[in-house]
Amino acid sequence: RGQQRAAVWNVTLPQLRPIIVSLLLLDLIWTSQQFALIWMTTGGGPIDVTEVLSTYTYKLAFAKYDFSLAATAAVLVLLMSMVLAVFYVRHQKARD
């Protein structure tokens, strides 16, 4: 039984690490871009439990009319998406 666990930790997981990292990065990018699904199903509620940065930005701009803070939040969304994309591209180039 101990040898099986050692094989999983020392052989299987290191071989799957590139795939796991790729999937995690793609999932983070995809999840951060899910404004429409969240807005149509919950609108960021109840009690802001499903609030993400994109729905928060939308509420700032069109519910509170705080366009300067909404623009700042939108730039943050852009920067975070770019950082995740750069990590993903570097990871894919390292695999080749």
PDB file of N, CA and C in Angstrom:
ATOM      1  N   ARG A   1       0.833  -1.198   0.000  1.00  0.00           N
ATOM      2  CA  ARG A   1       0.000   0.000   0.000  1.00  0.00           C
ATOM      3  C   ARG A   1       0.880   1.266   0.000  1.00  0.00           C
ATOM      4  N   GLY A   2       1.951   1.220   0.744  1.00  0.00           N
ATOM      5  CA  GLY A   2       2.861   2.361   0.790  1.00  0.00           C
ATOM      6  C   GLY A   2       3.563   2.604  -0.531  1.00  0.00           C
ATOM      7  N   GLN A   3       3.848   1.522  -1.261  1.00  0.00           N
ATOM      8  CA  GLN A   3       4.491   1.658  -2.561  1.00  0.00           C
ATOM      9  C   GLN A   3       3.555   2.288  -3.584  1.00  0.00           C
ATOM     10  N   GLN A   4       2.264   2.000  -3.467  1.00  0.00           N
ATOM     11  CA  GLN A   4       1.294   2.600  -4.378  1.00  0.00           C
ATOM     12  C   GLN A   4       1.231   4.106  -4.158  1.00  0.00           C
ATOM     13  N   ARG A   5       1.210   4.502  -2.892  1.00  0.00           N
ATOM     14  CA  ARG A   5       1.173   5.952  -2.603  1.00  0.00           C
ATOM     15  C   ARG A   5       2.446   6.635  -3.085  1.00  0.00           C
ATOM     16  N   ALA A   6       3.566   5.981  -2.875  1.00  0.00           N
ATOM     17  CA  ALA A   6       4.833   6.548  -3.338  1.00  0.00           C
ATOM     18  C   ALA A   6       4.837   6.671  -4.854  1.00  0.00           C
ATOM     19  N   ALA A   7       4.283   5.683  -5.542  1.00  0.00           N
ATOM     20  CA  ALA A   7       4.237   5.732  -7.002  1.00  0.00           C
ATOM     21  C   ALA A   7       3.347   6.881  -7.476  1.00  0.00           C
ATOM     22  N   VAL A   8       2.241   7.102  -6.791  1.00  0.00           N
ATOM     23  CA  VAL A   8       1.347   8.207  -7.170  1.00  0.00           C
ATOM     24  C   VAL A   8       2.059   9.538  -6.974  1.00  0.00           C
ATOM     25  N   TRP A   9       2.691   9.719  -5.833  1.00  0.00           N
ATOM     26  CA  TRP A   9       3.334  10.998  -5.533  1.00  0.00           C
ATOM     27  C   TRP A   9       4.620  11.215  -6.318  1.00  0.00           C
ATOM     28  N   ASN A  10       5.360  10.169  -6.603  1.00  0.00           N
ATOM     29  CA  ASN A  10       6.670  10.317  -7.232  1.00  0.00           C
ATOM     30  C   ASN A  10       6.679  10.081  -8.735  1.00  0.00           C
ATOM     31  N   VAL A  11       5.658   9.429  -9.265  1.00  0.00           N
ATOM     32  CA  VAL A  11       5.641   9.136 -10.694  1.00  0.00           C
ATOM     33  C   VAL A  11       4.438   9.781 -11.383  1.00  0.00           C
ATOM     34  N   THR A  12       3.247   9.462 -10.911  1.00  0.00           N
ATOM     35  CA  THR A  12       2.033   9.888 -11.602  1.00  0.00           C
ATOM     36  C   THR A  12       1.830  11.403 -11.548  1.00  0.00           C
ATOM     37  N   LEU A  13       1.863  11.986 -10.364  1.00  0.00           N
ATOM     38  CA  LEU A  13       1.614  13.432 -10.254  1.00  0.00           C
ATOM     39  C   LEU A  13       2.663  14.291 -10.959  1.00  0.00           C
ATOM     40  N   PRO A  14       3.955  13.970 -10.863  1.00  0.00           N
ATOM     41  CA  PRO A  14       4.911  14.769 -11.647  1.00  0.00           C
ATOM     42  C   PRO A  14       4.678  14.690 -13.160  1.00  0.00           C
ATOM     43  N   GLN A  15       4.205  13.544 -13.636  1.00  0.00           N
ATOM     44  CA  GLN A  15       3.912  13.423 -15.056  1.00  0.00           C
ATOM     45  C   GLN A  15       2.663  14.217 -15.445  1.00  0.00           C
ATOM     46  N   LEU A  16       1.725  14.342 -14.529  1.00  0.00           N
ATOM     47  CA  LEU A  16       0.488  15.081 -14.804  1.00  0.00           C
ATOM     48  C   LEU A  16       0.588  16.572 -14.499  1.00  0.00           C
ATOM     49  N   ARG A  17       1.658  17.015 -13.865  1.00  0.00           N
ATOM     50  CA  ARG A  17       1.780  18.418 -13.458  1.00  0.00           C
ATOM     51  C   ARG A  17       1.577  19.410 -14.599  1.00  0.00           C
ATOM     52  N   PRO A  18       2.187  19.235 -15.783  1.00  0.00           N
ATOM     53  CA  PRO A  18       1.943  20.208 -16.859  1.00  0.00           C
ATOM     54  C   PRO A  18       0.477  20.307 -17.255  1.00  0.00           C
ATOM     55  N   ILE A  19      -0.210  19.193 -17.282  1.00  0.00           N
ATOM     56  CA  ILE A  19      -1.625  19.189 -17.646  1.00  0.00           C
ATOM     57  C   ILE A  19      -2.457  19.846 -16.557  1.00  0.00           C
ATOM     58  N   ILE A  20      -2.140  19.553 -15.306  1.00  0.00           N
ATOM     59  CA  ILE A  20      -2.870  20.158 -14.186  1.00  0.00           C
ATOM     60  C   ILE A  20      -2.685  21.663 -14.176  1.00  0.00           C
ATOM     61  N   VAL A  21      -1.460  22.127 -14.395  1.00  0.00           N
ATOM     62  CA  VAL A  21      -1.201  23.577 -14.418  1.00  0.00           C
ATOM     63  C   VAL A  21      -1.950  24.230 -15.573  1.00  0.00           C
ATOM     64  N   SER A  22      -1.927  23.610 -16.752  1.00  0.00           N
ATOM     65  CA  SER A  22      -2.650  24.166 -17.900  1.00  0.00           C
ATOM     66  C   SER A  22      -4.143  24.273 -17.617  1.00  0.00           C
ATOM     67  N   LEU A  23      -4.707  23.219 -17.067  1.00  0.00           N
ATOM     68  CA  LEU A  23      -6.138  23.235 -16.755  1.00  0.00           C
ATOM     69  C   LEU A  23      -6.478  24.282 -15.700  1.00  0.00           C
ATOM     70  N   LEU A  24      -5.643  24.423 -14.687  1.00  0.00           N
ATOM     71  CA  LEU A  24      -5.901  25.437 -13.657  1.00  0.00           C
ATOM     72  C   LEU A  24      -5.853  26.846 -14.235  1.00  0.00           C
ATOM     73  N   LEU A  25      -4.862  27.123 -15.059  1.00  0.00           N
ATOM     74  CA  LEU A  25      -4.773  28.452 -15.671  1.00  0.00           C
ATOM     75  C   LEU A  25      -5.949  28.720 -16.596  1.00  0.00           C
ATOM     76  N   LEU A  26      -6.306  27.757 -17.424  1.00  0.00           N
ATOM     77  CA  LEU A  26      -7.456  27.950 -18.311  1.00  0.00           C
ATOM     78  C   LEU A  26      -8.750  28.116 -17.524  1.00  0.00           C
ATOM     79  N   ASP A  27      -8.899  27.372 -16.444  1.00  0.00           N
ATOM     80  CA  ASP A  27     -10.090  27.498 -15.614  1.00  0.00           C
ATOM     81  C   ASP A  27     -10.157  28.872 -14.959  1.00  0.00           C
ATOM     82  N   LEU A  28      -9.039  29.375 -14.478  1.00  0.00           N
ATOM     83  CA  LEU A  28      -9.022  30.724 -13.894  1.00  0.00           C
ATOM     84  C   LEU A  28      -9.388  31.780 -14.934  1.00  0.00           C
ATOM     85  N   ILE A  29      -8.825  31.659 -16.129  1.00  0.00           N
ATOM     86  CA  ILE A  29      -9.145  32.622 -17.191  1.00  0.00           C
ATOM     87  C   ILE A  29     -10.625  32.534 -17.555  1.00  0.00           C
ATOM     88  N   TRP A  30     -11.130  31.323 -17.738  1.00  0.00           N
ATOM     89  CA  TRP A  30     -12.528  31.145 -18.126  1.00  0.00           C
ATOM     90  C   TRP A  30     -13.471  31.660 -17.039  1.00  0.00           C
ATOM     91  N   THR A  31     -13.170  31.349 -15.780  1.00  0.00           N
ATOM     92  CA  THR A  31     -14.040  31.757 -14.680  1.00  0.00           C
ATOM     93  C   THR A  31     -14.046  33.274 -14.518  1.00  0.00           C
ATOM     94  N   SER A  32     -12.915  33.911 -14.735  1.00  0.00           N
ATOM     95  CA  SER A  32     -12.872  35.368 -14.572  1.00  0.00           C
ATOM     96  C   SER A  32     -13.640  36.089 -15.673  1.00  0.00           C
ATOM     97  N   GLN A  33     -13.972  35.404 -16.754  1.00  0.00           N
ATOM     98  CA  GLN A  33     -14.684  36.022 -17.875  1.00  0.00           C
ATOM     99  C   GLN A  33     -16.167  35.643 -17.917  1.00  0.00           C
ATOM    100  N   GLN A  34     -16.722  35.163 -16.844  1.00  0.00           N
ATOM    101  CA  GLN A  34     -18.095  34.656 -16.840  1.00  0.00           C
ATOM    102  C   GLN A  34     -19.118  35.688 -16.351  1.00  0.00           C
ATOM    103  N   PHE A  35     -19.052  36.878 -16.862  1.00  0.00           N
ATOM    104  CA  PHE A  35     -19.985  37.921 -16.445  1.00  0.00           C
ATOM    105  C   PHE A  35     -21.435  37.553 -16.782  1.00  0.00           C
ATOM    106  N   ALA A  36     -21.697  37.168 -18.018  1.00  0.00           N
ATOM    107  CA  ALA A  36     -23.075  36.959 -18.478  1.00  0.00           C
ATOM    108  C   ALA A  36     -23.781  35.871 -17.682  1.00  0.00           C
ATOM    109  N   LEU A  37     -23.108  34.766 -17.450  1.00  0.00           N
ATOM    110  CA  LEU A  37     -23.727  33.667 -16.704  1.00  0.00           C
ATOM    111  C   LEU A  37     -24.066  34.092 -15.280  1.00  0.00           C
ATOM    112  N   ILE A  38     -23.147  34.733 -14.607  1.00  0.00           N
ATOM    113  CA  ILE A  38     -23.383  35.157 -13.223  1.00  0.00           C
ATOM    114  C   ILE A  38     -24.450  36.241 -13.167  1.00  0.00           C
ATOM    115  N   TRP A  39     -24.393  37.185 -14.101  1.00  0.00           N
ATOM    116  CA  TRP A  39     -25.353  38.288 -14.078  1.00  0.00           C
ATOM    117  C   TRP A  39     -26.773  37.802 -14.345  1.00  0.00           C
ATOM    118  N   MET A  40     -26.932  36.885 -15.286  1.00  0.00           N
ATOM    119  CA  MET A  40     -28.268  36.406 -15.625  1.00  0.00           C
ATOM    120  C   MET A  40     -28.844  35.464 -14.567  1.00  0.00           C
ATOM    121  N   THR A  41     -28.012  34.722 -13.876  1.00  0.00           N
ATOM    122  CA  THR A  41     -28.527  33.768 -12.895  1.00  0.00           C
ATOM    123  C   THR A  41     -28.720  34.387 -11.524  1.00  0.00           C
ATOM    124  N   THR A  42     -27.735  35.131 -11.027  1.00  0.00           N
ATOM    125  CA  THR A  42     -27.832  35.638  -9.654  1.00  0.00           C
ATOM    126  C   THR A  42     -27.679  37.143  -9.543  1.00  0.00           C
ATOM    127  N   GLY A  43     -27.104  37.777 -10.540  1.00  0.00           N
ATOM    128  CA  GLY A  43     -26.869  39.213 -10.456  1.00  0.00           C
ATOM    129  C   GLY A  43     -25.847  39.580  -9.394  1.00  0.00           C
ATOM    130  N   GLY A  44     -25.043  38.623  -8.978  1.00  0.00           N
ATOM    131  CA  GLY A  44     -24.043  38.882  -7.947  1.00  0.00           C
ATOM    132  C   GLY A  44     -24.549  38.606  -6.547  1.00  0.00           C
ATOM    133  N   GLY A  45     -25.791  38.272  -6.392  1.00  0.00           N
ATOM    134  CA  GLY A  45     -26.372  38.039  -5.070  1.00  0.00           C
ATOM    135  C   GLY A  45     -26.476  36.570  -4.781  1.00  0.00           C
ATOM    136  N   PRO A  46     -27.119  36.170  -3.772  1.00  0.00           N
ATOM    137  CA  PRO A  46     -27.689  36.965  -2.687  1.00  0.00           C
ATOM    138  C   PRO A  46     -26.601  37.452  -1.732  1.00  0.00           C
ATOM    139  N   ILE A  47     -26.796  38.623  -1.251  1.00  0.00           N
ATOM    140  CA  ILE A  47     -25.873  39.296  -0.338  1.00  0.00           C
ATOM    141  C   ILE A  47     -24.457  39.303  -0.918  1.00  0.00           C
ATOM    142  N   ASP A  48     -24.329  39.511  -2.220  1.00  0.00           N
ATOM    143  CA  ASP A  48     -23.050  39.611  -2.919  1.00  0.00           C
ATOM    144  C   ASP A  48     -22.177  38.367  -2.785  1.00  0.00           C
ATOM    145  N   VAL A  49     -22.785  37.197  -2.561  1.00  0.00           N
ATOM    146  CA  VAL A  49     -22.016  35.964  -2.401  1.00  0.00           C
ATOM    147  C   VAL A  49     -21.378  35.543  -3.722  1.00  0.00           C
ATOM    148  N   THR A  50     -22.074  35.714  -4.844  1.00  0.00           N
ATOM    149  CA  THR A  50     -21.532  35.308  -6.132  1.00  0.00           C
ATOM    150  C   THR A  50     -20.932  36.483  -6.895  1.00  0.00           C
ATOM    151  N   GLU A  51     -20.656  37.556  -6.207  1.00  0.00           N
ATOM    152  CA  GLU A  51     -20.069  38.737  -6.835  1.00  0.00           C
ATOM    153  C   GLU A  51     -18.654  38.430  -7.311  1.00  0.00           C
ATOM    154  N   VAL A  52     -18.370  38.775  -8.561  1.00  0.00           N
ATOM    155  CA  VAL A  52     -17.026  38.707  -9.102  1.00  0.00           C
ATOM    156  C   VAL A  52     -16.664  40.116  -9.559  1.00  0.00           C
ATOM    157  N   LEU A  53     -15.412  40.303  -9.923  1.00  0.00           N
ATOM    158  CA  LEU A  53     -14.959  41.652 -10.256  1.00  0.00           C
ATOM    159  C   LEU A  53     -15.718  42.250 -11.435  1.00  0.00           C
ATOM    160  N   SER A  54     -16.105  41.428 -12.402  1.00  0.00           N
ATOM    161  CA  SER A  54     -16.829  41.972 -13.557  1.00  0.00           C
ATOM    162  C   SER A  54     -18.248  42.420 -13.193  1.00  0.00           C
ATOM    163  N   THR A  55     -18.963  41.668 -12.338  1.00  0.00           N
ATOM    164  CA  THR A  55     -20.295  42.117 -11.925  1.00  0.00           C
ATOM    165  C   THR A  55     -20.200  43.321 -11.001  1.00  0.00           C
ATOM    166  N   TYR A  56     -19.166  43.350 -10.175  1.00  0.00           N
ATOM    167  CA  TYR A  56     -18.941  44.517  -9.312  1.00  0.00           C
ATOM    168  C   TYR A  56     -18.685  45.767 -10.159  1.00  0.00           C
ATOM    169  N   THR A  57     -17.898  45.613 -11.206  1.00  0.00           N
ATOM    170  CA  THR A  57     -17.620  46.739 -12.107  1.00  0.00           C
ATOM    171  C   THR A  57     -18.894  47.221 -12.781  1.00  0.00           C
ATOM    172  N   TYR A  58     -19.720  46.308 -13.233  1.00  0.00           N
ATOM    173  CA  TYR A  58     -20.986  46.662 -13.873  1.00  0.00           C
ATOM    174  C   TYR A  58     -21.888  47.421 -12.902  1.00  0.00           C
ATOM    175  N   LYS A  59     -21.985  46.930 -11.671  1.00  0.00           N
ATOM    176  CA  LYS A  59     -22.822  47.612 -10.677  1.00  0.00           C
ATOM    177  C   LYS A  59     -22.284  48.999 -10.351  1.00  0.00           C
ATOM    178  N   LEU A  60     -20.967  49.128 -10.276  1.00  0.00           N
ATOM    179  CA  LEU A  60     -20.394  50.447 -10.019  1.00  0.00           C
ATOM    180  C   LEU A  60     -20.747  51.435 -11.121  1.00  0.00           C
ATOM    181  N   ALA A  61     -20.644  50.979 -12.359  1.00  0.00           N
ATOM    182  CA  ALA A  61     -20.870  51.891 -13.473  1.00  0.00           C
ATOM    183  C   ALA A  61     -22.342  52.209 -13.677  1.00  0.00           C
ATOM    184  N   PHE A  62     -23.206  51.208 -13.636  1.00  0.00           N
ATOM    185  CA  PHE A  62     -24.577  51.418 -14.076  1.00  0.00           C
ATOM    186  C   PHE A  62     -25.620  51.424 -12.969  1.00  0.00           C
ATOM    187  N   ALA A  63     -25.227  51.111 -11.735  1.00  0.00           N
ATOM    188  CA  ALA A  63     -26.168  51.205 -10.618  1.00  0.00           C
ATOM    189  C   ALA A  63     -25.788  52.364  -9.696  1.00  0.00           C
ATOM    190  N   LYS A  64     -24.492  52.509  -9.467  1.00  0.00           N
ATOM    191  CA  LYS A  64     -24.024  53.577  -8.573  1.00  0.00           C
ATOM    192  C   LYS A  64     -23.483  54.782  -9.325  1.00  0.00           C
ATOM    193  N   TYR A  65     -23.331  54.669 -10.632  1.00  0.00           N
ATOM    194  CA  TYR A  65     -22.808  55.733 -11.495  1.00  0.00           C
ATOM    195  C   TYR A  65     -21.447  56.246 -11.030  1.00  0.00           C
ATOM    196  N   ASP A  66     -20.635  55.344 -10.490  1.00  0.00           N
ATOM    197  CA  ASP A  66     -19.270  55.679 -10.080  1.00  0.00           C
ATOM    198  C   ASP A  66     -18.328  55.205 -11.185  1.00  0.00           C
ATOM    199  N   PHE A  67     -18.263  56.008 -12.256  1.00  0.00           N
ATOM    200  CA  PHE A  67     -17.539  55.584 -13.446  1.00  0.00           C
ATOM    201  C   PHE A  67     -16.033  55.536 -13.246  1.00  0.00           C
ATOM    202  N   SER A  68     -15.498  56.378 -12.394  1.00  0.00           N
ATOM    203  CA  SER A  68     -14.047  56.354 -12.187  1.00  0.00           C
ATOM    204  C   SER A  68     -13.623  55.066 -11.487  1.00  0.00           C
ATOM    205  N   LEU A  69     -14.350  54.658 -10.457  1.00  0.00           N
ATOM    206  CA  LEU A  69     -14.022  53.409  -9.777  1.00  0.00           C
ATOM    207  C   LEU A  69     -14.311  52.207 -10.676  1.00  0.00           C
ATOM    208  N   ALA A  70     -15.358  52.286 -11.484  1.00  0.00           N
ATOM    209  CA  ALA A  70     -15.671  51.208 -12.421  1.00  0.00           C
ATOM    210  C   ALA A  70     -14.567  51.067 -13.473  1.00  0.00           C
ATOM    211  N   ALA A  71     -14.048  52.184 -13.957  1.00  0.00           N
ATOM    212  CA  ALA A  71     -12.949  52.127 -14.927  1.00  0.00           C
ATOM    213  C   ALA A  71     -11.704  51.515 -14.291  1.00  0.00           C
ATOM    214  N   THR A  72     -11.450  51.854 -13.036  1.00  0.00           N
ATOM    215  CA  THR A  72     -10.316  51.268 -12.323  1.00  0.00           C
ATOM    216  C   THR A  72     -10.490  49.758 -12.169  1.00  0.00           C
ATOM    217  N   ALA A  73     -11.686  49.326 -11.816  1.00  0.00           N
ATOM    218  CA  ALA A  73     -11.954  47.898 -11.679  1.00  0.00           C
ATOM    219  C   ALA A  73     -11.821  47.192 -13.032  1.00  0.00           C
ATOM    220  N   ALA A  74     -12.253  47.835 -14.100  1.00  0.00           N
ATOM    221  CA  ALA A  74     -12.137  47.237 -15.433  1.00  0.00           C
ATOM    222  C   ALA A  74     -10.672  47.089 -15.835  1.00  0.00           C
ATOM    223  N   VAL A  75      -9.859  48.066 -15.497  1.00  0.00           N
ATOM    224  CA  VAL A  75      -8.431  47.955 -15.777  1.00  0.00           C
ATOM    225  C   VAL A  75      -7.816  46.812 -14.971  1.00  0.00           C
ATOM    226  N   LEU A  76      -8.268  46.629 -13.736  1.00  0.00           N
ATOM    227  CA  LEU A  76      -7.783  45.503 -12.933  1.00  0.00           C
ATOM    228  C   LEU A  76      -8.163  44.168 -13.566  1.00  0.00           C
ATOM    229  N   VAL A  77      -9.388  44.068 -14.085  1.00  0.00           N
ATOM    230  CA  VAL A  77      -9.813  42.850 -14.776  1.00  0.00           C
ATOM    231  C   VAL A  77      -8.901  42.609 -15.981  1.00  0.00           C
ATOM    232  N   LEU A  78      -8.626  43.650 -16.734  1.00  0.00           N
ATOM    233  CA  LEU A  78      -7.749  43.527 -17.895  1.00  0.00           C
ATOM    234  C   LEU A  78      -6.355  43.069 -17.483  1.00  0.00           C
ATOM    235  N   LEU A  79      -5.781  43.692 -16.465  1.00  0.00           N
ATOM    236  CA  LEU A  79      -4.430  43.334 -16.030  1.00  0.00           C
ATOM    237  C   LEU A  79      -4.363  41.904 -15.510  1.00  0.00           C
ATOM    238  N   MET A  80      -5.359  41.500 -14.727  1.00  0.00           N
ATOM    239  CA  MET A  80      -5.354  40.129 -14.216  1.00  0.00           C
ATOM    240  C   MET A  80      -5.504  39.124 -15.351  1.00  0.00           C
ATOM    241  N   SER A  81      -6.335  39.430 -16.329  1.00  0.00           N
ATOM    242  CA  SER A  81      -6.498  38.536 -17.480  1.00  0.00           C
ATOM    243  C   SER A  81      -5.204  38.446 -18.282  1.00  0.00           C
ATOM    244  N   MET A  82      -4.531  39.567 -18.433  1.00  0.00           N
ATOM    245  CA  MET A  82      -3.263  39.566 -19.167  1.00  0.00           C
ATOM    246  C   MET A  82      -2.205  38.760 -18.432  1.00  0.00           C
ATOM    247  N   VAL A  83      -2.130  38.906 -17.122  1.00  0.00           N
ATOM    248  CA  VAL A  83      -1.152  38.148 -16.341  1.00  0.00           C
ATOM    249  C   VAL A  83      -1.419  36.654 -16.461  1.00  0.00           C
ATOM    250  N   LEU A  84      -2.679  36.258 -16.326  1.00  0.00           N
ATOM    251  CA  LEU A  84      -3.014  34.842 -16.470  1.00  0.00           C
ATOM    252  C   LEU A  84      -2.692  34.342 -17.877  1.00  0.00           C
ATOM    253  N   ALA A  85      -2.971  35.149 -18.880  1.00  0.00           N
ATOM    254  CA  ALA A  85      -2.682  34.745 -20.261  1.00  0.00           C
ATOM    255  C   ALA A  85      -1.182  34.599 -20.490  1.00  0.00           C
ATOM    256  N   VAL A  86      -0.392  35.513 -19.930  1.00  0.00           N
ATOM    257  CA  VAL A  86       1.062  35.423 -20.070  1.00  0.00           C
ATOM    258  C   VAL A  86       1.590  34.164 -19.395  1.00  0.00           C
ATOM    259  N   PHE A  87       1.097  33.866 -18.183  1.00  0.00           N
ATOM    260  CA  PHE A  87       1.507  32.636 -17.510  1.00  0.00           C
ATOM    261  C   PHE A  87       1.138  31.411 -18.329  1.00  0.00           C
ATOM    262  N   TYR A  88      -0.035  31.413 -18.925  1.00  0.00           N
ATOM    263  CA  TYR A  88      -0.476  30.278 -19.724  1.00  0.00           C
ATOM    264  C   TYR A  88       0.402  30.108 -20.965  1.00  0.00           C
ATOM    265  N   VAL A  89       0.680  31.196 -21.659  1.00  0.00           N
ATOM    266  CA  VAL A  89       1.505  31.117 -22.867  1.00  0.00           C
ATOM    267  C   VAL A  89       2.915  30.655 -22.514  1.00  0.00           C
ATOM    268  N   ARG A  90       3.490  31.185 -21.448  1.00  0.00           N
ATOM    269  CA  ARG A  90       4.827  30.748 -21.035  1.00  0.00           C
ATOM    270  C   ARG A  90       4.835  29.274 -20.663  1.00  0.00           C
ATOM    271  N   HIS A  91       3.797  28.849 -19.992  1.00  0.00           N
ATOM    272  CA  HIS A  91       3.712  27.448 -19.611  1.00  0.00           C
ATOM    273  C   HIS A  91       3.611  26.555 -20.845  1.00  0.00           C
ATOM    274  N   GLN A  92       2.830  26.969 -21.841  1.00  0.00           N
ATOM    275  CA  GLN A  92       2.687  26.183 -23.053  1.00  0.00           C
ATOM    276  C   GLN A  92       3.982  26.148 -23.857  1.00  0.00           C
ATOM    277  N   LYS A  93       4.712  27.272 -23.896  1.00  0.00           N
ATOM    278  CA  LYS A  93       5.984  27.300 -24.623  1.00  0.00           C
ATOM    279  C   LYS A  93       7.016  26.437 -23.916  1.00  0.00           C
ATOM    280  N   ALA A  94       6.978  26.394 -22.602  1.00  0.00           N
ATOM    281  CA  ALA A  94       7.928  25.573 -21.855  1.00  0.00           C
ATOM    282  C   ALA A  94       7.670  24.096 -22.089  1.00  0.00           C
ATOM    283  N   ARG A  95       6.447  23.713 -22.363  1.00  0.00           N
ATOM    284  CA  ARG A  95       6.100  22.308 -22.608  1.00  0.00           C
ATOM    285  C   ARG A  95       6.600  21.842 -23.982  1.00  0.00           C
ATOM    286  N   ASP A  96       6.734  22.746 -24.931  1.00  0.00           N
ATOM    287  CA  ASP A  96       7.141  22.365 -26.309  1.00  0.00           C
ATOM    288  C   ASP A  96       8.604  22.068 -26.421  1.00  0.00           C
TER     289      ASP A  96
END
